[in-house]
């Protein structure tokens, strides 16, 4: 029975992969290239996994040989093992933020109705966790280590290392599945999941800048006068420092990596490794029991969208955007409300403010010259613009397929493609301008005496860059659509990989004219008050270019209407 289920599950996964690449209906060559190029990244990672696993296996075998044949290096090898096997634990802690929201096929409604035991589905979850590339890399090292000890002629140490390695890998699989299932249960309520995802993302952003708060430039001792120094021939050689002593840190001694390192380090002496093996086995058993409990609860807990308050019918008034028709204004309003109601839309507004404030505070605390460039208000403001552009590109590079089934209604409405593009451009402009303006508000408080003209010039330069980038992103969204969920910050909410890469390259080129205008007014002419004049003129010219390019992009949208609809509805 189990073998038949395994064969059926493997066949189902294979067919889902092929159907995802081919599609169920007629596809043009551009759509086929889009699908295959999106799968090129995972395929390349799988190819690179083979040499990486061989390198890790060689390192594990060498470590085992060193443990068995060089007793003097035992402490150093144990320290390296304890620190090295800490990396997958950290990876499993961070991985659910980006990937745990991808519900496995075994949690589909169809398989719940089929006669498939929940225990089998639980084991499939563990197998999926064991197929993680980081897990496979460190599994190669853990399983090759006993081979090194066997080659060195230590059978007892080989047995202990084998048992310890298997227990460690079982714990890693249980930990990965436990965190993934726990995150999925947490995200069952959509509103709660959005709040948790938002807080986690902000926490990770803060963690990346946190080391700068504690960084200090090393102070050099003043040089002594030449007369006070002793003659070179009278100097005595400085005593040699003590040799470095490697030992497993106390904080890691009771973690799985420390227990594994202690077991293999003292495995040749039998009883001294028993306590570490028992503790490792207990952690693995507790992890397996916890994953079984969470998996059962996940199958029994329905997904909810959060409580909704009953509202009486109300008349919706659509604001008119200056220079836009009524249809384009309605499109802009709908796009603006749709984006701001999602996690990714909230991050569009909060991420530049949060990140640039952290950068400004962190780099103004340093007392060395290494952060002098980053402590400039112009640099921090430029970082805010780049972050806002990158966040906005995650939506505009897939602005059609991201509408989901609402795209069908948009194409059925008496709405011209030009009005559709202009409405989306107006909505993205409002979001970008609001995000950058909010991010620039704390800078006059952090940097005393900062020029308001300089901040205004950066804002106008960012708008100019956005207008130059908008037609390119709209074209990429039409050529490389991808079904996404803007309520997630991981891979499920990101655009097509090719579209994101091309947009980033064009963004760097599009930012050069604005940067040149600011540098010419600020550094060459020495008149910062002229910077907003130059960048303002550039922004007007870029807006004209963006509007003029709209009919060209509209032709591509018309030619790709069928493919865009099929991708948006998941076919």
Protein backbone atom coordinates (compact mmCIF):
# COMPACT_ATOMS: atom_id res chain seq x y z
CA UNK A 1 0.00 0.00 0.00
CA UNK A 2 2.77 2.43 0.93
CA UNK A 3 4.73 1.63 -2.22
CA UNK A 4 1.68 2.29 -4.40
CA UNK A 5 1.08 5.63 -2.66
CA UNK A 6 4.71 6.60 -3.17
CA UNK A 7 4.52 5.81 -6.87
CA UNK A 8 1.25 7.73 -7.22
CA UNK A 9 2.64 10.75 -5.36
CA UNK A 10 5.83 10.78 -7.45
CA UNK A 11 3.79 10.54 -10.67
CA UNK A 12 1.50 13.35 -9.51
CA UNK A 13 4.42 15.66 -8.74
CA UNK A 14 6.00 14.87 -12.10
CA UNK A 15 2.79 15.59 -13.99
CA UNK A 16 2.30 18.85 -12.12
CA UNK A 17 5.81 19.90 -13.12
CA UNK A 18 5.25 19.06 -16.79
CA UNK A 19 1.84 20.73 -16.86
CA UNK A 20 3.31 23.83 -15.24
CA UNK A 21 5.92 24.02 -18.00
CA UNK A 22 3.66 23.20 -20.95
CA UNK A 23 0.32 24.61 -19.85
CA UNK A 24 -3.04 23.07 -20.53
CA UNK A 25 -3.97 25.18 -23.58
CA UNK A 26 -2.39 26.79 -26.59
CA UNK A 27 0.69 28.82 -25.68
CA UNK A 28 2.76 31.07 -27.87
CA UNK A 29 6.53 30.93 -28.02
CA UNK A 30 6.95 33.89 -25.65
CA UNK A 31 4.77 32.21 -23.02
CA UNK A 32 6.70 28.94 -23.33
CA UNK A 33 9.98 30.80 -22.97
CA UNK A 34 8.60 32.60 -19.91
CA UNK A 35 7.61 29.34 -18.24
CA UNK A 36 10.86 27.53 -19.02
CA UNK A 37 13.05 30.48 -18.00
CA UNK A 38 11.23 30.71 -14.67
CA UNK A 39 12.14 27.05 -14.05
CA UNK A 40 15.75 27.59 -15.11
CA UNK A 41 16.77 28.89 -11.67
CA UNK A 42 15.74 25.76 -9.70
CA UNK A 43 17.21 23.54 -12.43
CA UNK A 44 20.55 25.37 -12.24
CA UNK A 45 20.51 25.08 -8.44
CA UNK A 46 19.93 21.32 -8.76
CA UNK A 47 22.89 21.01 -11.15
CA UNK A 48 25.16 23.01 -8.84
CA UNK A 49 24.05 20.84 -5.92
CA UNK A 50 26.06 17.88 -7.24
CA UNK A 51 29.55 19.46 -7.03
CA UNK A 52 28.58 21.15 -3.78
CA UNK A 53 27.57 17.82 -2.25
CA UNK A 54 30.85 16.26 -3.42
CA UNK A 55 32.84 19.05 -1.79
CA UNK A 56 30.89 18.70 1.48
CA UNK A 57 31.35 14.91 1.40
CA UNK A 58 35.09 15.34 0.92
CA UNK A 59 35.20 17.79 3.84
CA UNK A 60 33.22 15.40 6.04
CA UNK A 61 35.42 12.44 5.14
CA UNK A 62 38.56 14.47 5.86
CA UNK A 63 37.16 15.56 9.22
CA UNK A 64 36.44 11.93 10.11
CA UNK A 65 39.94 10.88 9.12
CA UNK A 66 41.42 13.69 11.22
CA UNK A 67 39.35 12.62 14.24
CA UNK A 68 40.47 9.01 13.94
CA UNK A 69 44.14 9.43 13.03
CA UNK A 70 45.12 12.72 14.69
CA UNK A 71 43.98 12.79 18.34
CA UNK A 72 45.72 16.15 18.86
CA UNK A 73 43.33 17.82 16.40
CA UNK A 74 40.20 16.41 18.02
CA UNK A 75 39.20 19.66 19.74
CA UNK A 76 39.66 21.72 16.60
CA UNK A 77 37.61 19.34 14.45
CA UNK A 78 34.85 19.18 17.08
CA UNK A 79 34.74 22.99 17.19
CA UNK A 80 34.48 23.15 13.39
CA UNK A 81 31.68 20.56 13.38
CA UNK A 82 29.71 22.37 16.10
CA UNK A 83 29.95 25.69 14.26
CA UNK A 84 29.45 24.24 10.77
CA UNK A 85 26.29 22.27 11.54
CA UNK A 86 24.82 25.39 13.14
CA UNK A 87 24.33 26.84 9.62
CA UNK A 88 21.41 24.56 8.60
CA UNK A 89 19.64 25.36 11.87
CA UNK A 90 19.82 29.07 11.10
CA UNK A 91 18.66 28.42 7.54
CA UNK A 92 15.64 26.42 8.71
CA UNK A 93 14.70 29.27 11.04
CA UNK A 94 14.73 31.83 8.20
CA UNK A 95 13.40 29.65 5.40
CA UNK A 96 9.67 29.57 6.35
CA UNK A 97 9.35 33.33 5.84
CA UNK A 98 9.93 32.95 2.13
CA UNK A 99 8.84 29.42 1.32
CA UNK A 100 6.53 27.99 3.97
CA UNK A 101 3.45 29.57 2.48
CA UNK A 102 3.67 27.29 -0.55
CA UNK A 103 1.14 24.69 0.52
CA UNK A 104 2.16 21.17 -0.45
CA UNK A 105 0.06 19.14 -2.82
CA UNK A 106 -0.83 16.70 -0.06
CA UNK A 107 -2.86 19.41 1.70
CA UNK A 108 -5.15 19.91 -1.28
CA UNK A 109 -8.84 19.34 -0.84
CA UNK A 110 -8.79 16.46 -3.35
CA UNK A 111 -6.21 14.39 -1.48
CA UNK A 112 -8.05 14.92 1.77
CA UNK A 113 -11.03 13.12 0.26
CA UNK A 114 -8.94 10.26 -1.11
CA UNK A 115 -8.13 7.18 1.02
CA UNK A 116 -4.62 8.40 1.87
CA UNK A 117 -3.60 7.95 5.54
CA UNK A 118 -2.58 11.12 7.35
CA UNK A 119 0.51 9.32 8.67
CA UNK A 120 1.69 8.82 5.08
CA UNK A 121 1.14 12.50 4.33
CA UNK A 122 3.13 13.35 7.44
CA UNK A 123 6.05 11.26 6.26
CA UNK A 124 5.83 12.91 2.84
CA UNK A 125 6.21 16.25 4.61
CA UNK A 126 9.40 15.00 6.27
CA UNK A 127 10.73 13.73 2.94
CA UNK A 128 10.04 17.13 1.38
CA UNK A 129 11.98 18.77 4.20
CA UNK A 130 14.87 16.36 3.56
CA UNK A 131 15.00 17.42 -0.10
CA UNK A 132 16.02 20.96 0.85
CA UNK A 133 19.35 21.79 -0.87
CA UNK A 134 20.98 22.95 2.38
CA UNK A 135 19.87 19.73 4.06
CA UNK A 136 21.36 17.63 1.25
CA UNK A 137 24.68 19.48 1.39
CA UNK A 138 25.15 18.91 5.11
CA UNK A 139 23.75 15.38 4.86
CA UNK A 140 26.61 14.57 2.49
CA UNK A 141 29.12 15.78 5.08
CA UNK A 142 27.44 13.94 7.98
CA UNK A 143 27.24 10.65 6.09
CA UNK A 144 30.78 10.88 4.70
CA UNK A 145 32.36 11.49 8.10
CA UNK A 146 32.01 7.81 9.20
CA UNK A 147 33.75 6.77 5.97
CA UNK A 148 36.77 8.81 6.99
CA UNK A 149 36.90 7.17 10.40
CA UNK A 150 36.50 3.73 8.82
CA UNK A 151 39.40 4.38 6.44
CA UNK A 152 41.52 5.34 9.47
CA UNK A 153 40.71 1.99 11.12
CA UNK A 154 38.40 3.08 13.98
CA UNK A 155 35.28 0.84 13.80
CA UNK A 156 33.80 1.94 17.16
CA UNK A 157 34.13 5.60 16.25
CA UNK A 158 32.59 4.79 12.85
CA UNK A 159 29.54 3.26 14.54
CA UNK A 160 29.09 6.22 16.90
CA UNK A 161 29.55 8.75 14.06
CA UNK A 162 27.01 6.90 11.90
CA UNK A 163 24.37 6.84 14.65
CA UNK A 164 25.03 10.49 15.56
CA UNK A 165 24.85 11.57 11.92
CA UNK A 166 21.55 9.78 11.31
CA UNK A 167 20.02 11.24 14.48
CA UNK A 168 21.22 14.73 13.54
CA UNK A 169 19.72 14.45 10.04
CA UNK A 170 16.42 13.19 11.45
CA UNK A 171 16.34 16.19 13.77
CA UNK A 172 17.11 18.55 10.88
CA UNK A 173 14.23 17.10 8.82
CA UNK A 174 11.86 17.36 11.80
CA UNK A 175 12.97 20.92 12.56
CA UNK A 176 12.47 22.04 8.96
CA UNK A 177 9.03 20.42 8.76
CA UNK A 178 8.09 21.74 12.21
CA UNK A 179 8.87 25.35 11.32
CA UNK A 180 7.20 25.05 7.93
CA UNK A 181 4.02 23.53 9.38
CA UNK A 182 3.99 26.03 12.24
CA UNK A 183 4.24 28.94 9.84
CA UNK A 184 1.43 27.54 7.70
CA UNK A 185 -0.83 27.18 10.73
CA UNK A 186 0.03 30.73 11.70
CA UNK A 187 -0.88 31.92 8.21
CA UNK A 188 -4.22 30.09 8.10
CA UNK A 189 -5.84 33.32 9.19
CA UNK A 190 -4.96 35.72 6.38
CA UNK A 191 -5.00 38.92 8.40
CA UNK A 192 -2.95 37.41 11.19
CA UNK A 193 -0.56 35.99 8.62
CA UNK A 194 -0.12 39.36 6.96
CA UNK A 195 0.70 40.98 10.30
CA UNK A 196 3.20 38.25 11.22
CA UNK A 197 4.86 38.39 7.80
CA UNK A 198 5.14 42.16 8.01
CA UNK A 199 6.73 42.03 11.47
CA UNK A 200 9.15 39.26 10.46
CA UNK A 201 10.27 41.18 7.40
CA UNK A 202 10.85 44.34 9.39
CA UNK A 203 12.74 42.31 12.00
CA UNK A 204 15.01 40.80 9.36
CA UNK A 205 15.64 44.25 7.89
CA UNK A 206 16.66 45.50 11.33
CA UNK A 207 18.90 42.48 11.92
CA UNK A 208 20.87 43.27 8.78
CA UNK A 209 21.79 46.74 10.06
CA UNK A 210 22.14 45.83 13.76
CA UNK A 211 25.90 45.03 13.64
CA UNK A 212 26.62 48.62 12.62
CA UNK A 213 25.29 49.85 15.98
CA UNK A 214 28.10 47.99 17.73
CA UNK A 215 30.85 48.62 15.16
CA UNK A 216 33.66 50.92 16.20
CA UNK A 217 36.79 51.94 14.38
CA UNK A 218 39.87 50.50 16.14
CA UNK A 219 41.90 53.20 17.81
CA UNK A 220 45.63 53.31 17.16
CA UNK A 221 48.08 54.07 19.94
CA UNK A 222 50.06 57.29 19.47
CA UNK A 223 53.60 56.71 18.30
CA UNK A 224 56.35 57.30 20.82
CA UNK A 225 59.14 59.79 20.17
CA UNK A 226 62.27 58.38 18.63
CA UNK A 227 64.39 59.40 21.65
CA UNK A 228 62.25 57.46 24.08
CA UNK A 229 62.51 54.21 22.17
CA UNK A 230 65.20 51.73 23.08
CA UNK A 231 67.91 50.87 20.55
CA UNK A 232 67.03 48.08 18.17
CA UNK A 233 69.91 45.88 19.40
CA UNK A 234 68.76 46.21 23.01
CA UNK A 235 65.20 45.14 22.39
CA UNK A 236 64.05 41.76 23.60
CA UNK A 237 61.84 39.64 21.39
CA UNK A 238 58.22 39.77 22.43
CA UNK A 239 57.01 36.56 24.02
CA UNK A 240 54.95 34.37 21.75
CA UNK A 241 51.24 34.49 22.42
CA UNK A 242 49.41 31.45 23.67
CA UNK A 243 48.32 28.95 21.07
CA UNK A 244 44.62 29.16 20.22
CA UNK A 245 42.49 26.70 22.12
CA UNK A 246 39.49 25.28 20.32
CA UNK A 247 36.58 24.03 22.33
CA UNK A 248 32.86 23.80 21.75
CA UNK A 249 31.25 27.00 23.12
CA UNK A 250 29.07 26.49 26.14
CA UNK A 251 26.12 28.08 24.33
CA UNK A 252 26.35 25.41 21.62
CA UNK A 253 27.10 22.45 23.84
CA UNK A 254 23.43 21.61 24.33
CA UNK A 255 22.32 22.42 20.80
CA UNK A 256 22.05 19.57 18.25
CA UNK A 257 25.24 20.63 16.44
CA UNK A 258 27.16 20.70 19.74
CA UNK A 259 25.75 17.33 20.80
CA UNK A 260 26.75 15.83 17.46
CA UNK A 261 30.27 17.26 17.66
CA UNK A 262 30.67 16.01 21.24
CA UNK A 263 29.46 12.52 20.29
CA UNK A 264 31.87 12.08 17.38
CA UNK A 265 34.77 13.67 19.28
CA UNK A 266 34.50 11.25 22.20
CA UNK A 267 33.02 8.33 20.27
CA UNK A 268 36.15 6.28 20.46
CA UNK A 269 35.90 6.17 24.25
CA UNK A 270 32.40 4.66 24.25
CA UNK A 271 30.57 5.77 27.39
CA UNK A 272 31.52 9.45 27.15
CA UNK A 273 29.43 9.81 23.94
CA UNK A 274 26.36 7.99 25.30
CA UNK A 275 24.86 11.09 26.94
CA UNK A 276 25.21 13.13 23.75
CA UNK A 277 23.62 10.37 21.66
CA UNK A 278 20.72 9.99 24.09
CA UNK A 279 20.09 13.75 24.11
CA UNK A 280 20.24 13.87 20.31
CA UNK A 281 17.82 10.94 20.02
CA UNK A 282 15.44 12.63 22.48
CA UNK A 283 15.44 15.85 20.43
CA UNK A 284 14.76 13.90 17.24
CA UNK A 285 11.87 12.01 18.87
CA UNK A 286 10.33 15.21 20.25
CA UNK A 287 10.65 16.86 16.84
CA UNK A 288 8.93 13.94 15.12
CA UNK A 289 6.05 13.97 17.63
CA UNK A 290 5.65 17.75 17.28
CA UNK A 291 5.53 17.57 13.47
CA UNK A 292 2.87 14.83 13.65
CA UNK A 293 0.72 16.99 15.95
CA UNK A 294 1.07 20.13 13.81
CA UNK A 295 0.42 18.22 10.60
CA UNK A 296 -2.79 16.75 12.01
CA UNK A 297 -3.93 20.18 13.14
CA UNK A 298 -3.11 21.68 9.74
CA UNK A 299 -5.32 19.12 8.02
CA UNK A 300 -8.17 19.83 10.40
CA UNK A 301 -7.94 23.65 10.50
CA UNK A 302 -9.65 25.52 7.66
CA UNK A 303 -8.15 28.65 6.20
CA UNK A 304 -9.91 31.90 7.08
CA UNK A 305 -9.69 35.42 5.82
CA UNK A 306 -10.31 37.00 9.21
CA UNK A 307 -13.52 38.47 10.58
CA UNK A 308 -15.40 40.80 8.33
CA UNK A 309 -17.75 43.42 9.59
CA UNK A 310 -21.13 43.55 7.91
CA UNK A 311 -21.53 46.73 5.97
CA UNK A 312 -24.57 48.28 4.42
CA UNK A 313 -24.53 48.97 0.68
CA UNK A 314 -22.78 52.19 -0.03
CA UNK A 315 -22.20 54.33 -3.05
CA UNK A 316 -18.59 54.37 -4.17
CA UNK A 317 -17.25 57.66 -5.44
CA UNK A 318 -14.21 57.43 -7.63
CA UNK A 319 -11.84 60.40 -7.39
CA UNK A 320 -10.69 61.99 -10.62
CA UNK A 321 -6.95 62.12 -11.24
CA UNK A 322 -5.78 65.29 -13.00
CA UNK A 323 -5.27 64.72 -16.71
CA UNK A 324 -6.88 61.25 -16.72
CA UNK A 325 -10.21 60.14 -18.10
CA UNK A 326 -12.94 58.72 -15.88
CA UNK A 327 -12.04 55.16 -16.90
CA UNK A 328 -8.32 55.68 -16.20
CA UNK A 329 -9.12 57.33 -12.85
CA UNK A 330 -11.31 54.38 -11.85
CA UNK A 331 -8.51 52.00 -12.82
CA UNK A 332 -5.99 54.00 -10.79
CA UNK A 333 -8.27 53.99 -7.75
CA UNK A 334 -8.89 50.25 -7.98
CA UNK A 335 -5.17 49.54 -8.42
CA UNK A 336 -4.26 51.78 -5.50
CA UNK A 337 -6.77 50.18 -3.13
CA UNK A 338 -5.81 46.66 -4.23
CA UNK A 339 -2.11 47.22 -3.63
CA UNK A 340 -2.44 48.98 -0.29
CA UNK A 341 -4.69 46.25 1.13
CA UNK A 342 -1.97 43.58 0.73
CA UNK A 343 1.20 42.86 2.69
CA UNK A 344 3.40 43.80 -0.23
CA UNK A 345 1.57 47.10 -0.63
CA UNK A 346 2.04 47.92 3.04
CA UNK A 347 5.73 47.12 2.66
CA UNK A 348 5.90 49.56 -0.24
CA UNK A 349 5.12 52.34 2.23
CA UNK A 350 6.89 51.08 5.37
CA UNK A 351 10.06 49.45 4.08
CA UNK A 352 11.82 52.63 2.77
CA UNK A 353 10.99 54.52 5.98
CA UNK A 354 12.11 51.70 8.27
CA UNK A 355 15.29 50.77 6.40
CA UNK A 356 16.56 54.29 5.70
CA UNK A 357 15.94 55.37 9.30
CA UNK A 358 17.97 52.41 10.52
CA UNK A 359 20.75 53.23 8.05
CA UNK A 360 20.77 56.88 9.04
CA UNK A 361 20.93 56.16 12.78
CA UNK A 362 23.45 53.34 12.42
CA UNK A 363 25.96 55.15 10.22
CA UNK A 364 25.82 58.42 12.11
CA UNK A 365 26.86 56.59 15.30
CA UNK A 366 30.19 55.45 13.88
CA UNK A 367 33.34 57.26 14.95
CA UNK A 368 35.47 56.11 12.04
CA UNK A 369 35.91 57.35 8.50
CA UNK A 370 34.66 54.12 6.86
CA UNK A 371 31.00 55.19 7.17
CA UNK A 372 31.57 58.83 6.20
CA UNK A 373 30.07 58.36 2.74
CA UNK A 374 27.03 56.46 4.02
CA UNK A 375 26.45 59.08 6.73
CA UNK A 376 25.62 61.74 4.14
CA UNK A 377 21.90 62.69 3.93
CA UNK A 378 22.03 62.56 0.12
CA UNK A 379 23.25 58.97 0.25
CA UNK A 380 20.56 57.91 2.71
CA UNK A 381 17.90 59.64 0.59
CA UNK A 382 19.20 57.86 -2.51
CA UNK A 383 18.95 54.54 -0.64
CA UNK A 384 15.30 55.34 0.14
CA UNK A 385 14.61 55.93 -3.56
CA UNK A 386 16.33 52.70 -4.63
CA UNK A 387 14.46 50.65 -2.03
CA UNK A 388 11.14 52.18 -3.07
CA UNK A 389 11.87 51.49 -6.74
CA UNK A 390 12.84 47.87 -6.04
CA UNK A 391 9.73 47.28 -3.92
CA UNK A 392 7.47 48.89 -6.51
CA UNK A 393 9.02 46.78 -9.29
CA UNK A 394 7.83 43.64 -7.49
CA UNK A 395 4.28 44.80 -8.34
CA UNK A 396 4.68 46.70 -11.61
CA UNK A 397 6.72 43.92 -13.25
CA UNK A 398 3.63 41.73 -12.93
CA UNK A 399 0.88 44.35 -12.80
CA UNK A 400 -1.53 42.42 -15.05
CA UNK A 401 -1.33 38.84 -13.78
CA UNK A 402 -1.24 40.14 -10.19
CA UNK A 403 -4.87 41.24 -10.63
CA UNK A 404 -5.84 37.55 -10.58
CA UNK A 405 -9.36 36.88 -11.89
CA UNK A 406 -10.16 40.59 -11.81
CA UNK A 407 -8.06 40.90 -14.97
CA UNK A 408 -10.84 39.10 -16.87
CA UNK A 409 -13.32 41.75 -15.74
CA UNK A 410 -10.92 44.53 -16.71
CA UNK A 411 -10.61 43.16 -20.24
CA UNK A 412 -14.39 42.71 -20.52
CA UNK A 413 -15.08 46.29 -19.50
CA UNK A 414 -15.27 49.03 -22.16
CA UNK A 415 -11.81 50.08 -21.10
CA UNK A 416 -9.10 50.86 -23.61
CA UNK A 417 -5.67 49.41 -23.00
CA UNK A 418 -4.21 52.93 -22.96
CA UNK A 419 -6.53 53.94 -20.11
CA UNK A 420 -5.66 50.72 -18.29
CA UNK A 421 -1.94 51.46 -18.53
CA UNK A 422 -2.33 55.12 -17.59
CA UNK A 423 -4.44 54.21 -14.56
CA UNK A 424 -1.86 51.69 -13.33
CA UNK A 425 0.91 54.24 -13.95
CA UNK A 426 -0.94 56.89 -11.92
CA UNK A 427 -1.52 54.47 -9.03
CA UNK A 428 2.12 53.35 -8.94
CA UNK A 429 3.26 56.99 -9.06
CA UNK A 430 1.14 57.86 -6.04
CA UNK A 431 2.46 54.87 -4.07
CA UNK A 432 6.08 55.60 -4.99
CA UNK A 433 5.86 59.32 -4.20
CA UNK A 434 4.17 58.62 -0.86
CA UNK A 435 6.77 55.96 0.09
CA UNK A 436 9.76 58.20 -0.70
CA UNK A 437 8.21 61.28 0.93
CA UNK A 438 7.49 59.34 4.14
CA UNK A 439 11.03 57.92 4.15
CA UNK A 440 12.58 61.40 3.81
CA UNK A 441 10.65 62.91 6.74
CA UNK A 442 13.03 61.70 9.54
CA UNK A 443 16.21 62.83 7.74
CA UNK A 444 16.00 66.53 8.79
CA UNK A 445 15.73 65.36 12.39
CA UNK A 446 18.65 62.92 12.18
CA UNK A 447 20.90 65.19 10.06
CA UNK A 448 20.96 68.69 11.45
CA UNK A 449 21.04 71.42 8.83
CA UNK A 450 20.19 69.20 5.85
CA UNK A 451 19.13 71.18 2.79
CA UNK A 452 15.39 70.85 1.98
CA UNK A 453 16.25 71.58 -1.65
CA UNK A 454 18.48 68.49 -1.70
CA UNK A 455 15.71 66.24 -0.33
CA UNK A 456 13.23 67.69 -2.83
CA UNK A 457 15.72 67.08 -5.63
CA UNK A 458 16.09 63.44 -4.59
CA UNK A 459 12.30 63.00 -4.54
CA UNK A 460 11.90 64.56 -7.99
CA UNK A 461 14.85 62.55 -9.31
CA UNK A 462 13.23 59.38 -7.99
CA UNK A 463 10.00 60.29 -9.81
CA UNK A 464 11.97 60.84 -13.02
CA UNK A 465 13.57 57.40 -12.63
CA UNK A 466 10.17 55.87 -11.94
CA UNK A 467 8.66 57.40 -15.10
CA UNK A 468 11.56 56.14 -17.23
CA UNK A 469 11.21 52.68 -15.71
CA UNK A 470 7.39 52.44 -15.88
CA UNK A 471 7.02 51.55 -19.60
CA UNK A 472 9.74 48.92 -19.30
CA UNK A 473 8.07 47.29 -16.29
CA UNK A 474 4.68 47.34 -18.02
CA UNK A 475 6.20 45.69 -21.07
CA UNK A 476 7.88 43.03 -18.90
CA UNK A 477 4.57 42.43 -17.10
CA UNK A 478 2.91 41.73 -20.45
CA UNK A 479 5.68 39.49 -21.79
CA UNK A 480 6.59 37.58 -18.59
CA UNK A 481 3.40 37.18 -16.54
CA UNK A 482 3.34 35.00 -13.46
CA UNK A 483 0.55 34.03 -11.11
CA UNK A 484 1.36 35.57 -7.72
CA UNK A 485 -0.21 36.39 -4.38
CA UNK A 486 0.51 39.96 -3.25
CA UNK A 487 -0.45 38.94 0.29
CA UNK A 488 2.88 37.13 0.65
CA UNK A 489 6.41 38.49 0.80
CA UNK A 490 8.20 35.33 -0.26
CA UNK A 491 8.65 33.76 -3.67
CA UNK A 492 4.86 33.40 -4.01
CA UNK A 493 4.55 37.20 -4.27
CA UNK A 494 7.55 37.91 -6.50
CA UNK A 495 7.35 38.54 -10.26
CA UNK A 496 8.99 36.45 -12.95
CA UNK A 497 12.73 36.06 -12.38
CA UNK A 498 13.65 37.31 -15.87
CA UNK A 499 11.40 40.35 -15.50
CA UNK A 500 12.88 41.17 -12.09
CA UNK A 501 16.45 40.87 -13.41
CA UNK A 502 15.84 43.05 -16.48
CA UNK A 503 13.97 45.64 -14.40
CA UNK A 504 16.84 45.89 -11.93
CA UNK A 505 19.38 46.45 -14.72
CA UNK A 506 17.20 49.14 -16.35
CA UNK A 507 16.62 50.75 -12.94
CA UNK A 508 20.35 51.29 -12.47
CA UNK A 509 20.61 52.90 -15.91
CA UNK A 510 17.45 54.99 -15.46
CA UNK A 511 18.77 56.46 -12.20
CA UNK A 512 21.89 57.91 -13.84
CA UNK A 513 20.27 61.07 -15.37
CA UNK A 514 18.75 62.11 -12.03
CA UNK A 515 22.02 61.47 -10.20
CA UNK A 516 23.88 63.52 -12.82
CA UNK A 517 21.48 66.47 -12.41
CA UNK A 518 21.96 66.50 -8.62
CA UNK A 519 25.75 66.20 -8.85
CA UNK A 520 26.04 68.98 -11.43
CA UNK A 521 23.95 71.41 -9.37
CA UNK A 522 25.46 70.41 -6.01
CA UNK A 523 29.12 69.74 -6.74
CA UNK A 524 29.95 71.33 -10.09
CA UNK A 525 27.92 74.56 -9.90
CA UNK A 526 27.95 74.69 -6.10
CA UNK A 527 24.28 75.74 -5.98
CA UNK A 528 22.12 73.03 -4.34
CA UNK A 529 19.02 75.21 -4.89
CA UNK A 530 19.26 74.42 -8.62
CA UNK A 531 19.09 70.64 -8.01
CA UNK A 532 15.26 70.47 -7.67
CA UNK A 533 14.94 72.67 -10.77
CA UNK A 534 17.04 70.27 -12.84
CA UNK A 535 15.41 67.12 -11.49
CA UNK A 536 11.95 68.67 -11.77
CA UNK A 537 12.50 69.39 -15.46
CA UNK A 538 13.83 65.85 -15.87
CA UNK A 539 10.75 64.43 -14.12
CA UNK A 540 8.41 66.33 -16.46
CA UNK A 541 10.33 65.12 -19.51
CA UNK A 542 10.33 61.54 -18.20
CA UNK A 543 6.56 61.70 -17.56
CA UNK A 544 6.03 62.83 -21.15
CA UNK A 545 8.15 59.92 -22.37
CA UNK A 546 6.19 57.47 -20.21
CA UNK A 547 2.84 58.70 -21.54
CA UNK A 548 4.14 58.72 -25.12
CA UNK A 549 5.32 55.11 -24.78
CA UNK A 550 1.91 53.96 -23.54
CA UNK A 551 0.46 53.19 -27.04
CA UNK A 552 3.49 51.03 -27.83
CA UNK A 553 3.04 49.00 -24.66
CA UNK A 554 -0.72 48.82 -25.26
CA UNK A 555 -0.09 46.99 -28.55
CA UNK A 556 1.83 44.30 -26.68
CA UNK A 557 -0.95 44.02 -24.10
CA UNK A 558 -3.53 43.58 -26.88
CA UNK A 559 -1.43 40.85 -28.50
CA UNK A 560 -0.97 39.07 -25.17
CA UNK A 561 -4.51 39.37 -23.77
CA UNK A 562 -5.29 35.66 -24.02
CA UNK A 563 -2.02 34.57 -22.42
CA UNK A 564 -2.34 37.16 -19.67
CA UNK A 565 -5.83 35.95 -18.79
CA UNK A 566 -4.77 32.28 -18.74
CA UNK A 567 -1.85 33.03 -16.42
CA UNK A 568 -3.97 35.23 -14.16
CA UNK A 569 -6.63 32.56 -13.68
CA UNK A 570 -4.00 29.83 -13.19
CA UNK A 571 -4.36 27.92 -16.47
